[in-house]
Amino acid sequence: MKNLLMILFCVTLGSIGQLTLKYGMNTVGKITQSHVIEKMVGAFANPYVVTGFILYGLSALVWMIVLSRVEVSWAYPMVSFSYVVVVVASRFLFKEDVDFYRILGTLVICGGVFLVSRS
């Protein structure tokens, strides 16, 4: 149970990191071929982008602990729960279009994770 909670914590950190990066990049704007350098400099100066990377780093540290305790073939599929978190959150936070197929695909992934967790 402790290992599962650590995996869920890791997934949560990673998901929040992804959403924070997205928010930061929305403020930076679209990166085009002609403005790569200036946009990337702007991105790394953006506090939301920096925070997103920090959250990813913390997630990686927790993941190292998880990997020292459980089989990776069992733990890694659990990371896909971040798909659910990010799809749902992006719908509400960023008003992204989440159609039937995206929802169905996410549910199929969840079904697979459930089967793996039973082993």
PDB file of N, CA and C in Angstrom:
ATOM      1  N   MET A   1       0.835  -1.202   0.000  1.00  0.00           N
ATOM      2  CA  MET A   1       0.000   0.000   0.000  1.00  0.00           C
ATOM      3  C   MET A   1       0.876   1.260   0.000  1.00  0.00           C
ATOM      4  N   LYS A   2       1.956   1.242   0.773  1.00  0.00           N
ATOM      5  CA  LYS A   2       2.862   2.376   0.845  1.00  0.00           C
ATOM      6  C   LYS A   2       3.471   2.670  -0.527  1.00  0.00           C
ATOM      7  N   ASN A   3       3.844   1.612  -1.248  1.00  0.00           N
ATOM      8  CA  ASN A   3       4.425   1.786  -2.580  1.00  0.00           C
ATOM      9  C   ASN A   3       3.416   2.386  -3.553  1.00  0.00           C
ATOM     10  N   LEU A   4       2.178   1.942  -3.478  1.00  0.00           N
ATOM     11  CA  LEU A   4       1.136   2.480  -4.344  1.00  0.00           C
ATOM     12  C   LEU A   4       0.912   3.965  -4.058  1.00  0.00           C
ATOM     13  N   LEU A   5       0.928   4.346  -2.805  1.00  0.00           N
ATOM     14  CA  LEU A   5       0.762   5.761  -2.446  1.00  0.00           C
ATOM     15  C   LEU A   5       1.926   6.595  -2.976  1.00  0.00           C
ATOM     16  N   MET A   6       3.130   6.040  -2.915  1.00  0.00           N
ATOM     17  CA  MET A   6       4.281   6.761  -3.460  1.00  0.00           C
ATOM     18  C   MET A   6       4.161   6.907  -4.969  1.00  0.00           C
ATOM     19  N   ILE A   7       3.664   5.875  -5.646  1.00  0.00           N
ATOM     20  CA  ILE A   7       3.458   5.961  -7.098  1.00  0.00           C
ATOM     21  C   ILE A   7       2.425   7.034  -7.404  1.00  0.00           C
ATOM     22  N   LEU A   8       1.336   7.047  -6.664  1.00  0.00           N
ATOM     23  CA  LEU A   8       0.291   8.057  -6.889  1.00  0.00           C
ATOM     24  C   LEU A   8       0.816   9.463  -6.611  1.00  0.00           C
ATOM     25  N   PHE A   9       1.657   9.609  -5.597  1.00  0.00           N
ATOM     26  CA  PHE A   9       2.276  10.904  -5.311  1.00  0.00           C
ATOM     27  C   PHE A   9       3.158  11.333  -6.475  1.00  0.00           C
ATOM     28  N   CYS A  10       3.930  10.391  -6.988  1.00  0.00           N
ATOM     29  CA  CYS A  10       4.806  10.656  -8.130  1.00  0.00           C
ATOM     30  C   CYS A  10       3.985  11.075  -9.352  1.00  0.00           C
ATOM     31  N   VAL A  11       2.905  10.350  -9.611  1.00  0.00           N
ATOM     32  CA  VAL A  11       2.024  10.664 -10.742  1.00  0.00           C
ATOM     33  C   VAL A  11       1.413  12.052 -10.564  1.00  0.00           C
ATOM     34  N   THR A  12       1.008  12.365  -9.357  1.00  0.00           N
ATOM     35  CA  THR A  12       0.416  13.677  -9.083  1.00  0.00           C
ATOM     36  C   THR A  12       1.431  14.792  -9.319  1.00  0.00           C
ATOM     37  N   LEU A  13       2.645  14.617  -8.800  1.00  0.00           N
ATOM     38  CA  LEU A  13       3.685  15.622  -9.020  1.00  0.00           C
ATOM     39  C   LEU A  13       3.966  15.814 -10.510  1.00  0.00           C
ATOM     40  N   GLY A  14       4.092  14.704 -11.230  1.00  0.00           N
ATOM     41  CA  GLY A  14       4.356  14.781 -12.664  1.00  0.00           C
ATOM     42  C   GLY A  14       3.230  15.464 -13.427  1.00  0.00           C
ATOM     43  N   SER A  15       1.995  15.144 -13.056  1.00  0.00           N
ATOM     44  CA  SER A  15       0.840  15.747 -13.721  1.00  0.00           C
ATOM     45  C   SER A  15       0.756  17.244 -13.457  1.00  0.00           C
ATOM     46  N   ILE A  16       0.949  17.624 -12.209  1.00  0.00           N
ATOM     47  CA  ILE A  16       0.925  19.050 -11.877  1.00  0.00           C
ATOM     48  C   ILE A  16       2.082  19.753 -12.582  1.00  0.00           C
ATOM     49  N   GLY A  17       3.224  19.095 -12.657  1.00  0.00           N
ATOM     50  CA  GLY A  17       4.357  19.659 -13.387  1.00  0.00           C
ATOM     51  C   GLY A  17       4.026  19.888 -14.847  1.00  0.00           C
ATOM     52  N   GLN A  18       3.382  18.912 -15.488  1.00  0.00           N
ATOM     53  CA  GLN A  18       3.001  19.039 -16.891  1.00  0.00           C
ATOM     54  C   GLN A  18       2.026  20.195 -17.089  1.00  0.00           C
ATOM     55  N   LEU A  19       1.037  20.286 -16.217  1.00  0.00           N
ATOM     56  CA  LEU A  19       0.042  21.356 -16.338  1.00  0.00           C
ATOM     57  C   LEU A  19       0.661  22.734 -16.062  1.00  0.00           C
ATOM     58  N   THR A  20       1.604  22.781 -15.152  1.00  0.00           N
ATOM     59  CA  THR A  20       2.295  24.035 -14.857  1.00  0.00           C
ATOM     60  C   THR A  20       3.164  24.459 -16.038  1.00  0.00           C
ATOM     61  N   LEU A  21       3.855  23.486 -16.650  1.00  0.00           N
ATOM     62  CA  LEU A  21       4.630  23.794 -17.855  1.00  0.00           C
ATOM     63  C   LEU A  21       3.725  24.326 -18.966  1.00  0.00           C
ATOM     64  N   LYS A  22       2.583  23.703 -19.147  1.00  0.00           N
ATOM     65  CA  LYS A  22       1.652  24.140 -20.186  1.00  0.00           C
ATOM     66  C   LYS A  22       1.193  25.576 -19.920  1.00  0.00           C
ATOM     67  N   TYR A  23       0.851  25.859 -18.674  1.00  0.00           N
ATOM     68  CA  TYR A  23       0.427  27.215 -18.337  1.00  0.00           C
ATOM     69  C   TYR A  23       1.542  28.219 -18.639  1.00  0.00           C
ATOM     70  N   GLY A  24       2.746  27.863 -18.231  1.00  0.00           N
ATOM     71  CA  GLY A  24       3.885  28.740 -18.490  1.00  0.00           C
ATOM     72  C   GLY A  24       4.118  28.949 -19.976  1.00  0.00           C
ATOM     73  N   MET A  25       4.029  27.880 -20.757  1.00  0.00           N
ATOM     74  CA  MET A  25       4.250  27.998 -22.198  1.00  0.00           C
ATOM     75  C   MET A  25       3.112  28.757 -22.879  1.00  0.00           C
ATOM     76  N   ASN A  26       1.922  28.686 -22.321  1.00  0.00           N
ATOM     77  CA  ASN A  26       0.838  29.516 -22.864  1.00  0.00           C
ATOM     78  C   ASN A  26       1.165  30.996 -22.705  1.00  0.00           C
ATOM     79  N   THR A  27       1.839  31.349 -21.611  1.00  0.00           N
ATOM     80  CA  THR A  27       2.196  32.754 -21.415  1.00  0.00           C
ATOM     81  C   THR A  27       3.394  33.151 -22.277  1.00  0.00           C
ATOM     82  N   VAL A  28       4.282  32.197 -22.564  1.00  0.00           N
ATOM     83  CA  VAL A  28       5.435  32.473 -23.425  1.00  0.00           C
ATOM     84  C   VAL A  28       4.988  32.630 -24.873  1.00  0.00           C
ATOM     85  N   GLY A  29       4.076  31.783 -25.302  1.00  0.00           N
ATOM     86  CA  GLY A  29       3.574  31.830 -26.665  1.00  0.00           C
ATOM     87  C   GLY A  29       4.164  30.733 -27.537  1.00  0.00           C
ATOM     88  N   LYS A  30       3.611  30.618 -28.717  1.00  0.00           N
ATOM     89  CA  LYS A  30       4.011  29.579 -29.655  1.00  0.00           C
ATOM     90  C   LYS A  30       5.472  29.767 -30.084  1.00  0.00           C
ATOM     91  N   ILE A  31       6.221  28.671 -30.076  1.00  0.00           N
ATOM     92  CA  ILE A  31       7.615  28.709 -30.517  1.00  0.00           C
ATOM     93  C   ILE A  31       7.651  28.414 -32.013  1.00  0.00           C
ATOM     94  N   THR A  32       8.137  29.364 -32.747  1.00  0.00           N
ATOM     95  CA  THR A  32       8.262  29.202 -34.196  1.00  0.00           C
ATOM     96  C   THR A  32       9.735  29.052 -34.563  1.00  0.00           C
ATOM     97  N   GLN A  33       9.964  28.580 -35.751  1.00  0.00           N
ATOM     98  CA  GLN A  33      11.332  28.344 -36.210  1.00  0.00           C
ATOM     99  C   GLN A  33      12.177  29.616 -36.172  1.00  0.00           C
ATOM    100  N   SER A  34      11.566  30.737 -36.467  1.00  0.00           N
ATOM    101  CA  SER A  34      12.323  31.982 -36.529  1.00  0.00           C
ATOM    102  C   SER A  34      12.560  32.619 -35.155  1.00  0.00           C
ATOM    103  N   HIS A  35      11.893  32.099 -34.109  1.00  0.00           N
ATOM    104  CA  HIS A  35      12.028  32.698 -32.779  1.00  0.00           C
ATOM    105  C   HIS A  35      12.374  31.664 -31.697  1.00  0.00           C
ATOM    106  N   VAL A  36      13.025  30.597 -32.080  1.00  0.00           N
ATOM    107  CA  VAL A  36      13.318  29.521 -31.127  1.00  0.00           C
ATOM    108  C   VAL A  36      14.141  30.022 -29.951  1.00  0.00           C
ATOM    109  N   ILE A  37      15.241  30.689 -30.227  1.00  0.00           N
ATOM    110  CA  ILE A  37      16.154  31.102 -29.159  1.00  0.00           C
ATOM    111  C   ILE A  37      15.475  32.059 -28.191  1.00  0.00           C
ATOM    112  N   GLU A  38      14.855  33.104 -28.703  1.00  0.00           N
ATOM    113  CA  GLU A  38      14.252  34.087 -27.807  1.00  0.00           C
ATOM    114  C   GLU A  38      13.094  33.495 -27.018  1.00  0.00           C
ATOM    115  N   LYS A  39      12.317  32.616 -27.631  1.00  0.00           N
ATOM    116  CA  LYS A  39      11.196  31.990 -26.910  1.00  0.00           C
ATOM    117  C   LYS A  39      11.696  31.013 -25.843  1.00  0.00           C
ATOM    118  N   MET A  40      12.764  30.283 -26.149  1.00  0.00           N
ATOM    119  CA  MET A  40      13.312  29.349 -25.166  1.00  0.00           C
ATOM    120  C   MET A  40      13.922  30.104 -23.983  1.00  0.00           C
ATOM    121  N   VAL A  41      14.600  31.208 -24.261  1.00  0.00           N
ATOM    122  CA  VAL A  41      15.127  32.037 -23.171  1.00  0.00           C
ATOM    123  C   VAL A  41      13.971  32.557 -22.328  1.00  0.00           C
ATOM    124  N   GLY A  42      12.925  33.005 -22.996  1.00  0.00           N
ATOM    125  CA  GLY A  42      11.738  33.468 -22.276  1.00  0.00           C
ATOM    126  C   GLY A  42      11.094  32.363 -21.464  1.00  0.00           C
ATOM    127  N   ALA A  43      11.082  31.158 -22.019  1.00  0.00           N
ATOM    128  CA  ALA A  43      10.487  30.030 -21.314  1.00  0.00           C
ATOM    129  C   ALA A  43      11.254  29.721 -20.030  1.00  0.00           C
ATOM    130  N   PHE A  44      12.588  29.691 -20.121  1.00  0.00           N
ATOM    131  CA  PHE A  44      13.378  29.361 -18.933  1.00  0.00           C
ATOM    132  C   PHE A  44      13.422  30.492 -17.924  1.00  0.00           C
ATOM    133  N   ALA A  45      12.954  31.666 -18.306  1.00  0.00           N
ATOM    134  CA  ALA A  45      12.829  32.788 -17.370  1.00  0.00           C
ATOM    135  C   ALA A  45      11.422  32.841 -16.767  1.00  0.00           C
ATOM    136  N   ASN A  46      10.530  32.015 -17.273  1.00  0.00           N
ATOM    137  CA  ASN A  46       9.142  32.012 -16.817  1.00  0.00           C
ATOM    138  C   ASN A  46       9.027  31.207 -15.514  1.00  0.00           C
ATOM    139  N   PRO A  47       8.478  31.790 -14.467  1.00  0.00           N
ATOM    140  CA  PRO A  47       8.402  31.073 -13.185  1.00  0.00           C
ATOM    141  C   PRO A  47       7.546  29.803 -13.242  1.00  0.00           C
ATOM    142  N   TYR A  48       6.536  29.784 -14.091  1.00  0.00           N
ATOM    143  CA  TYR A  48       5.708  28.582 -14.204  1.00  0.00           C
ATOM    144  C   TYR A  48       6.465  27.441 -14.883  1.00  0.00           C
ATOM    145  N   VAL A  49       7.243  27.765 -15.875  1.00  0.00           N
ATOM    146  CA  VAL A  49       8.064  26.755 -16.549  1.00  0.00           C
ATOM    147  C   VAL A  49       9.096  26.204 -15.567  1.00  0.00           C
ATOM    148  N   VAL A  50       9.748  27.089 -14.846  1.00  0.00           N
ATOM    149  CA  VAL A  50      10.744  26.663 -13.858  1.00  0.00           C
ATOM    150  C   VAL A  50      10.089  25.781 -12.789  1.00  0.00           C
ATOM    151  N   THR A  51       8.935  26.185 -12.304  1.00  0.00           N
ATOM    152  CA  THR A  51       8.210  25.396 -11.305  1.00  0.00           C
ATOM    153  C   THR A  51       7.833  24.025 -11.863  1.00  0.00           C
ATOM    154  N   GLY A  52       7.402  23.988 -13.111  1.00  0.00           N
ATOM    155  CA  GLY A  52       7.068  22.710 -13.741  1.00  0.00           C
ATOM    156  C   GLY A  52       8.259  21.769 -13.767  1.00  0.00           C
ATOM    157  N   PHE A  53       9.434  22.294 -14.114  1.00  0.00           N
ATOM    158  CA  PHE A  53      10.642  21.464 -14.116  1.00  0.00           C
ATOM    159  C   PHE A  53      11.014  21.000 -12.709  1.00  0.00           C
ATOM    160  N   ILE A  54      10.837  21.860 -11.731  1.00  0.00           N
ATOM    161  CA  ILE A  54      11.125  21.470 -10.340  1.00  0.00           C
ATOM    162  C   ILE A  54      10.209  20.327  -9.915  1.00  0.00           C
ATOM    163  N   LEU A  55       8.932  20.440 -10.267  1.00  0.00           N
ATOM    164  CA  LEU A  55       7.987  19.368  -9.919  1.00  0.00           C
ATOM    165  C   LEU A  55       8.363  18.058 -10.610  1.00  0.00           C
ATOM    166  N   TYR A  56       8.779  18.143 -11.873  1.00  0.00           N
ATOM    167  CA  TYR A  56       9.258  16.951 -12.575  1.00  0.00           C
ATOM    168  C   TYR A  56      10.467  16.353 -11.872  1.00  0.00           C
ATOM    169  N   GLY A  57      11.382  17.214 -11.440  1.00  0.00           N
ATOM    170  CA  GLY A  57      12.565  16.737 -10.733  1.00  0.00           C
ATOM    171  C   GLY A  57      12.209  16.021  -9.436  1.00  0.00           C
ATOM    172  N   LEU A  58      11.293  16.595  -8.672  1.00  0.00           N
ATOM    173  CA  LEU A  58      10.838  15.948  -7.447  1.00  0.00           C
ATOM    174  C   LEU A  58      10.162  14.615  -7.754  1.00  0.00           C
ATOM    175  N   SER A  59       9.386  14.605  -8.816  1.00  0.00           N
ATOM    176  CA  SER A  59       8.733  13.372  -9.235  1.00  0.00           C
ATOM    177  C   SER A  59       9.770  12.299  -9.566  1.00  0.00           C
ATOM    178  N   ALA A  60      10.833  12.687 -10.236  1.00  0.00           N
ATOM    179  CA  ALA A  60      11.898  11.732 -10.587  1.00  0.00           C
ATOM    180  C   ALA A  60      12.580  11.189  -9.331  1.00  0.00           C
ATOM    181  N   LEU A  61      12.778  12.022  -8.327  1.00  0.00           N
ATOM    182  CA  LEU A  61      13.384  11.567  -7.081  1.00  0.00           C
ATOM    183  C   LEU A  61      12.498  10.542  -6.375  1.00  0.00           C
ATOM    184  N   VAL A  62      11.203  10.820  -6.322  1.00  0.00           N
ATOM    185  CA  VAL A  62      10.269   9.869  -5.720  1.00  0.00           C
ATOM    186  C   VAL A  62      10.238   8.585  -6.537  1.00  0.00           C
ATOM    187  N   TRP A  63      10.302   8.715  -7.863  1.00  0.00           N
ATOM    188  CA  TRP A  63      10.292   7.550  -8.741  1.00  0.00           C
ATOM    189  C   TRP A  63      11.501   6.655  -8.478  1.00  0.00           C
ATOM    190  N   MET A  64      12.635   7.245  -8.193  1.00  0.00           N
ATOM    191  CA  MET A  64      13.831   6.456  -7.869  1.00  0.00           C
ATOM    192  C   MET A  64      13.584   5.599  -6.625  1.00  0.00           C
ATOM    193  N   ILE A  65      12.904   6.160  -5.647  1.00  0.00           N
ATOM    194  CA  ILE A  65      12.568   5.402  -4.432  1.00  0.00           C
ATOM    195  C   ILE A  65      11.628   4.254  -4.787  1.00  0.00           C
ATOM    196  N   VAL A  66      10.620   4.554  -5.593  1.00  0.00           N
ATOM    197  CA  VAL A  66       9.670   3.522  -6.018  1.00  0.00           C
ATOM    198  C   VAL A  66      10.404   2.382  -6.719  1.00  0.00           C
ATOM    199  N   LEU A  67      11.283   2.726  -7.655  1.00  0.00           N
ATOM    200  CA  LEU A  67      11.986   1.695  -8.422  1.00  0.00           C
ATOM    201  C   LEU A  67      12.891   0.835  -7.549  1.00  0.00           C
ATOM    202  N   SER A  68      13.340   1.375  -6.435  1.00  0.00           N
ATOM    203  CA  SER A  68      14.173   0.585  -5.536  1.00  0.00           C
ATOM    204  C   SER A  68      13.352  -0.427  -4.745  1.00  0.00           C
ATOM    205  N   ARG A  69      12.021  -0.306  -4.795  1.00  0.00           N
ATOM    206  CA  ARG A  69      11.158  -1.143  -3.954  1.00  0.00           C
ATOM    207  C   ARG A  69      10.271  -2.118  -4.716  1.00  0.00           C
ATOM    208  N   VAL A  70       9.900  -1.773  -5.948  1.00  0.00           N
ATOM    209  CA  VAL A  70       8.927  -2.625  -6.663  1.00  0.00           C
ATOM    210  C   VAL A  70       9.427  -2.939  -8.069  1.00  0.00           C
ATOM    211  N   GLU A  71       8.790  -3.918  -8.693  1.00  0.00           N
ATOM    212  CA  GLU A  71       9.127  -4.276 -10.068  1.00  0.00           C
ATOM    213  C   GLU A  71       8.679  -3.161 -10.999  1.00  0.00           C
ATOM    214  N   VAL A  72       9.552  -2.780 -11.916  1.00  0.00           N
ATOM    215  CA  VAL A  72       9.232  -1.704 -12.849  1.00  0.00           C
ATOM    216  C   VAL A  72       8.083  -2.111 -13.777  1.00  0.00           C
ATOM    217  N   SER A  73       7.970  -3.394 -14.075  1.00  0.00           N
ATOM    218  CA  SER A  73       6.883  -3.859 -14.950  1.00  0.00           C
ATOM    219  C   SER A  73       5.520  -3.711 -14.294  1.00  0.00           C
ATOM    220  N   TRP A  74       5.496  -3.593 -12.977  1.00  0.00           N
ATOM    221  CA  TRP A  74       4.249  -3.340 -12.254  1.00  0.00           C
ATOM    222  C   TRP A  74       4.057  -1.841 -12.041  1.00  0.00           C
ATOM    223  N   ALA A  75       5.128  -1.141 -11.682  1.00  0.00           N
ATOM    224  CA  ALA A  75       5.017   0.276 -11.325  1.00  0.00           C
ATOM    225  C   ALA A  75       4.801   1.179 -12.535  1.00  0.00           C
ATOM    226  N   TYR A  76       5.529   0.930 -13.611  1.00  0.00           N
ATOM    227  CA  TYR A  76       5.504   1.873 -14.729  1.00  0.00           C
ATOM    228  C   TYR A  76       4.124   2.062 -15.364  1.00  0.00           C
ATOM    229  N   PRO A  77       3.335   0.996 -15.547  1.00  0.00           N
ATOM    230  CA  PRO A  77       1.994   1.241 -16.094  1.00  0.00           C
ATOM    231  C   PRO A  77       1.144   2.170 -15.233  1.00  0.00           C
ATOM    232  N   MET A  78       1.417   2.227 -13.940  1.00  0.00           N
ATOM    233  CA  MET A  78       0.650   3.114 -13.054  1.00  0.00           C
ATOM    234  C   MET A  78       0.872   4.593 -13.404  1.00  0.00           C
ATOM    235  N   VAL A  79       2.002   4.885 -14.005  1.00  0.00           N
ATOM    236  CA  VAL A  79       2.303   6.261 -14.400  1.00  0.00           C
ATOM    237  C   VAL A  79       1.263   6.760 -15.406  1.00  0.00           C
ATOM    238  N   SER A  80       0.638   5.843 -16.116  1.00  0.00           N
ATOM    239  CA  SER A  80      -0.355   6.252 -17.115  1.00  0.00           C
ATOM    240  C   SER A  80      -1.585   6.899 -16.485  1.00  0.00           C
ATOM    241  N   PHE A  81      -1.747   6.782 -15.181  1.00  0.00           N
ATOM    242  CA  PHE A  81      -2.839   7.512 -14.533  1.00  0.00           C
ATOM    243  C   PHE A  81      -2.677   9.014 -14.724  1.00  0.00           C
ATOM    244  N   SER A  82      -1.461   9.437 -14.989  1.00  0.00           N
ATOM    245  CA  SER A  82      -1.250  10.858 -15.253  1.00  0.00           C
ATOM    246  C   SER A  82      -2.000  11.288 -16.514  1.00  0.00           C
ATOM    247  N   TYR A  83      -2.221  10.354 -17.455  1.00  0.00           N
ATOM    248  CA  TYR A  83      -3.002  10.680 -18.653  1.00  0.00           C
ATOM    249  C   TYR A  83      -4.392  11.147 -18.254  1.00  0.00           C
ATOM    250  N   VAL A  84      -5.000  10.436 -17.321  1.00  0.00           N
ATOM    251  CA  VAL A  84      -6.353  10.774 -16.878  1.00  0.00           C
ATOM    252  C   VAL A  84      -6.353  12.148 -16.228  1.00  0.00           C
ATOM    253  N   VAL A  85      -5.428  12.356 -15.318  1.00  0.00           N
ATOM    254  CA  VAL A  85      -5.356  13.632 -14.606  1.00  0.00           C
ATOM    255  C   VAL A  85      -5.159  14.782 -15.586  1.00  0.00           C
ATOM    256  N   VAL A  86      -4.230  14.620 -16.524  1.00  0.00           N
ATOM    257  CA  VAL A  86      -3.918  15.702 -17.457  1.00  0.00           C
ATOM    258  C   VAL A  86      -5.070  15.944 -18.433  1.00  0.00           C
ATOM    259  N   VAL A  87      -5.713  14.887 -18.918  1.00  0.00           N
ATOM    260  CA  VAL A  87      -6.844  15.071 -19.843  1.00  0.00           C
ATOM    261  C   VAL A  87      -7.976  15.816 -19.154  1.00  0.00           C
ATOM    262  N   VAL A  88      -8.333  15.391 -17.961  1.00  0.00           N
ATOM    263  CA  VAL A  88      -9.431  16.042 -17.238  1.00  0.00           C
ATOM    264  C   VAL A  88      -9.063  17.484 -16.885  1.00  0.00           C
ATOM    265  N   ALA A  89      -7.875  17.671 -16.347  1.00  0.00           N
ATOM    266  CA  ALA A  89      -7.460  19.014 -15.939  1.00  0.00           C
ATOM    267  C   ALA A  89      -7.328  19.956 -17.135  1.00  0.00           C
ATOM    268  N   SER A  90      -6.816  19.451 -18.251  1.00  0.00           N
ATOM    269  CA  SER A  90      -6.654  20.327 -19.417  1.00  0.00           C
ATOM    270  C   SER A  90      -8.005  20.760 -19.978  1.00  0.00           C
ATOM    271  N   ARG A  91      -8.995  19.920 -19.816  1.00  0.00           N
ATOM    272  CA  ARG A  91     -10.353  20.297 -20.251  1.00  0.00           C
ATOM    273  C   ARG A  91     -10.858  21.485 -19.439  1.00  0.00           C
ATOM    274  N   PHE A  92     -10.654  21.432 -18.128  1.00  0.00           N
ATOM    275  CA  PHE A  92     -11.188  22.478 -17.258  1.00  0.00           C
ATOM    276  C   PHE A  92     -10.263  23.690 -17.143  1.00  0.00           C
ATOM    277  N   LEU A  93      -8.955  23.469 -17.086  1.00  0.00           N
ATOM    278  CA  LEU A  93      -8.030  24.584 -16.908  1.00  0.00           C
ATOM    279  C   LEU A  93      -7.749  25.346 -18.200  1.00  0.00           C
ATOM    280  N   PHE A  94      -7.631  24.606 -19.306  1.00  0.00           N
ATOM    281  CA  PHE A  94      -7.231  25.226 -20.567  1.00  0.00           C
ATOM    282  C   PHE A  94      -8.334  25.218 -21.618  1.00  0.00           C
ATOM    283  N   LYS A  95      -9.505  24.706 -21.226  1.00  0.00           N
ATOM    284  CA  LYS A  95     -10.664  24.663 -22.134  1.00  0.00           C
ATOM    285  C   LYS A  95     -10.349  23.893 -23.426  1.00  0.00           C
ATOM    286  N   GLU A  96      -9.521  22.849 -23.308  1.00  0.00           N
ATOM    287  CA  GLU A  96      -9.175  22.039 -24.473  1.00  0.00           C
ATOM    288  C   GLU A  96     -10.360  21.153 -24.861  1.00  0.00           C
ATOM    289  N   ASP A  97     -10.459  20.857 -26.123  1.00  0.00           N
ATOM    290  CA  ASP A  97     -11.519  20.000 -26.630  1.00  0.00           C
ATOM    291  C   ASP A  97     -11.178  18.542 -26.306  1.00  0.00           C
ATOM    292  N   VAL A  98     -11.969  17.941 -25.450  1.00  0.00           N
ATOM    293  CA  VAL A  98     -11.779  16.534 -25.095  1.00  0.00           C
ATOM    294  C   VAL A  98     -12.968  15.777 -25.659  1.00  0.00           C
ATOM    295  N   ASP A  99     -12.750  15.169 -26.816  1.00  0.00           N
ATOM    296  CA  ASP A  99     -13.855  14.495 -27.498  1.00  0.00           C
ATOM    297  C   ASP A  99     -14.017  13.047 -27.024  1.00  0.00           C
ATOM    298  N   PHE A 100     -15.007  12.376 -27.586  1.00  0.00           N
ATOM    299  CA  PHE A 100     -15.347  11.005 -27.214  1.00  0.00           C
ATOM    300  C   PHE A 100     -14.158  10.059 -27.351  1.00  0.00           C
ATOM    301  N   TYR A 101     -13.411  10.173 -28.434  1.00  0.00           N
ATOM    302  CA  TYR A 101     -12.300   9.254 -28.676  1.00  0.00           C
ATOM    303  C   TYR A 101     -11.160   9.450 -27.678  1.00  0.00           C
ATOM    304  N   ARG A 102     -10.928  10.674 -27.279  1.00  0.00           N
ATOM    305  CA  ARG A 102      -9.895  10.935 -26.277  1.00  0.00           C
ATOM    306  C   ARG A 102     -10.304  10.341 -24.929  1.00  0.00           C
ATOM    307  N   ILE A 103     -11.580  10.502 -24.592  1.00  0.00           N
ATOM    308  CA  ILE A 103     -12.090   9.917 -23.348  1.00  0.00           C
ATOM    309  C   ILE A 103     -12.034   8.392 -23.419  1.00  0.00           C
ATOM    310  N   LEU A 104     -12.468   7.824 -24.539  1.00  0.00           N
ATOM    311  CA  LEU A 104     -12.444   6.373 -24.704  1.00  0.00           C
ATOM    312  C   LEU A 104     -11.016   5.833 -24.621  1.00  0.00           C
ATOM    313  N   GLY A 105     -10.093   6.473 -25.277  1.00  0.00           N
ATOM    314  CA  GLY A 105      -8.701   6.045 -25.228  1.00  0.00           C
ATOM    315  C   GLY A 105      -8.144   6.086 -23.814  1.00  0.00           C
ATOM    316  N   THR A 106      -8.500   7.119 -23.082  1.00  0.00           N
ATOM    317  CA  THR A 106      -8.046   7.237 -21.699  1.00  0.00           C
ATOM    318  C   THR A 106      -8.637   6.126 -20.841  1.00  0.00           C
ATOM    319  N   LEU A 107      -9.901   5.789 -21.075  1.00  0.00           N
ATOM    320  CA  LEU A 107     -10.536   4.699 -20.332  1.00  0.00           C
ATOM    321  C   LEU A 107      -9.910   3.344 -20.668  1.00  0.00           C
ATOM    322  N   VAL A 108      -9.538   3.146 -21.922  1.00  0.00           N
ATOM    323  CA  VAL A 108      -8.866   1.898 -22.317  1.00  0.00           C
ATOM    324  C   VAL A 108      -7.530   1.777 -21.582  1.00  0.00           C
ATOM    325  N   ILE A 109      -6.791   2.880 -21.500  1.00  0.00           N
ATOM    326  CA  ILE A 109      -5.526   2.883 -20.764  1.00  0.00           C
ATOM    327  C   ILE A 109      -5.772   2.516 -19.300  1.00  0.00           C
ATOM    328  N   CYS A 110      -6.797   3.101 -18.702  1.00  0.00           N
ATOM    329  CA  CYS A 110      -7.124   2.804 -17.306  1.00  0.00           C
ATOM    330  C   CYS A 110      -7.462   1.326 -17.117  1.00  0.00           C
ATOM    331  N   GLY A 111      -8.177   0.758 -18.082  1.00  0.00           N
ATOM    332  CA  GLY A 111      -8.492  -0.663 -18.020  1.00  0.00           C
ATOM    333  C   GLY A 111      -7.236  -1.514 -18.029  1.00  0.00           C
ATOM    334  N   GLY A 112      -6.298  -1.165 -18.868  1.00  0.00           N
ATOM    335  CA  GLY A 112      -5.023  -1.884 -18.924  1.00  0.00           C
ATOM    336  C   GLY A 112      -4.254  -1.774 -17.623  1.00  0.00           C
ATOM    337  N   VAL A 113      -4.245  -0.577 -17.049  1.00  0.00           N
ATOM    338  CA  VAL A 113      -3.552  -0.377 -15.773  1.00  0.00           C
ATOM    339  C   VAL A 113      -4.218  -1.208 -14.674  1.00  0.00           C
ATOM    340  N   PHE A 114      -5.522  -1.272 -14.703  1.00  0.00           N
ATOM    341  CA  PHE A 114      -6.233  -2.086 -13.721  1.00  0.00           C
ATOM    342  C   PHE A 114      -5.814  -3.548 -13.843  1.00  0.00           C
ATOM    343  N   LEU A 115      -5.737  -4.053 -15.068  1.00  0.00           N
ATOM    344  CA  LEU A 115      -5.324  -5.445 -15.264  1.00  0.00           C
ATOM    345  C   LEU A 115      -3.905  -5.682 -14.769  1.00  0.00           C
ATOM    346  N   VAL A 116      -2.996  -4.757 -15.055  1.00  0.00           N
ATOM    347  CA  VAL A 116      -1.616  -4.897 -14.580  1.00  0.00           C
ATOM    348  C   VAL A 116      -1.564  -4.884 -13.066  1.00  0.00           C
ATOM    349  N   SER A 117      -2.375  -4.035 -12.436  1.00  0.00           N
ATOM    350  CA  SER A 117      -2.347  -3.917 -10.973  1.00  0.00           C
ATOM    351  C   SER A 117      -2.850  -5.188 -10.292  1.00  0.00           C
ATOM    352  N   ARG A 118      -3.609  -5.996 -11.008  1.00  0.00           N
ATOM    353  CA  ARG A 118      -4.144  -7.244 -10.432  1.00  0.00           C
ATOM    354  C   ARG A 118      -3.095  -8.340 -10.402  1.00  0.00           C
ATOM    355  N   SER A 119      -1.988  -8.146 -11.085  1.00  0.00           N
ATOM    356  CA  SER A 119      -0.978  -9.221 -11.158  1.00  0.00           C
ATOM    357  C   SER A 119      -0.048  -9.210  -9.964  1.00  0.00           C
TER     358      SER A 119
END
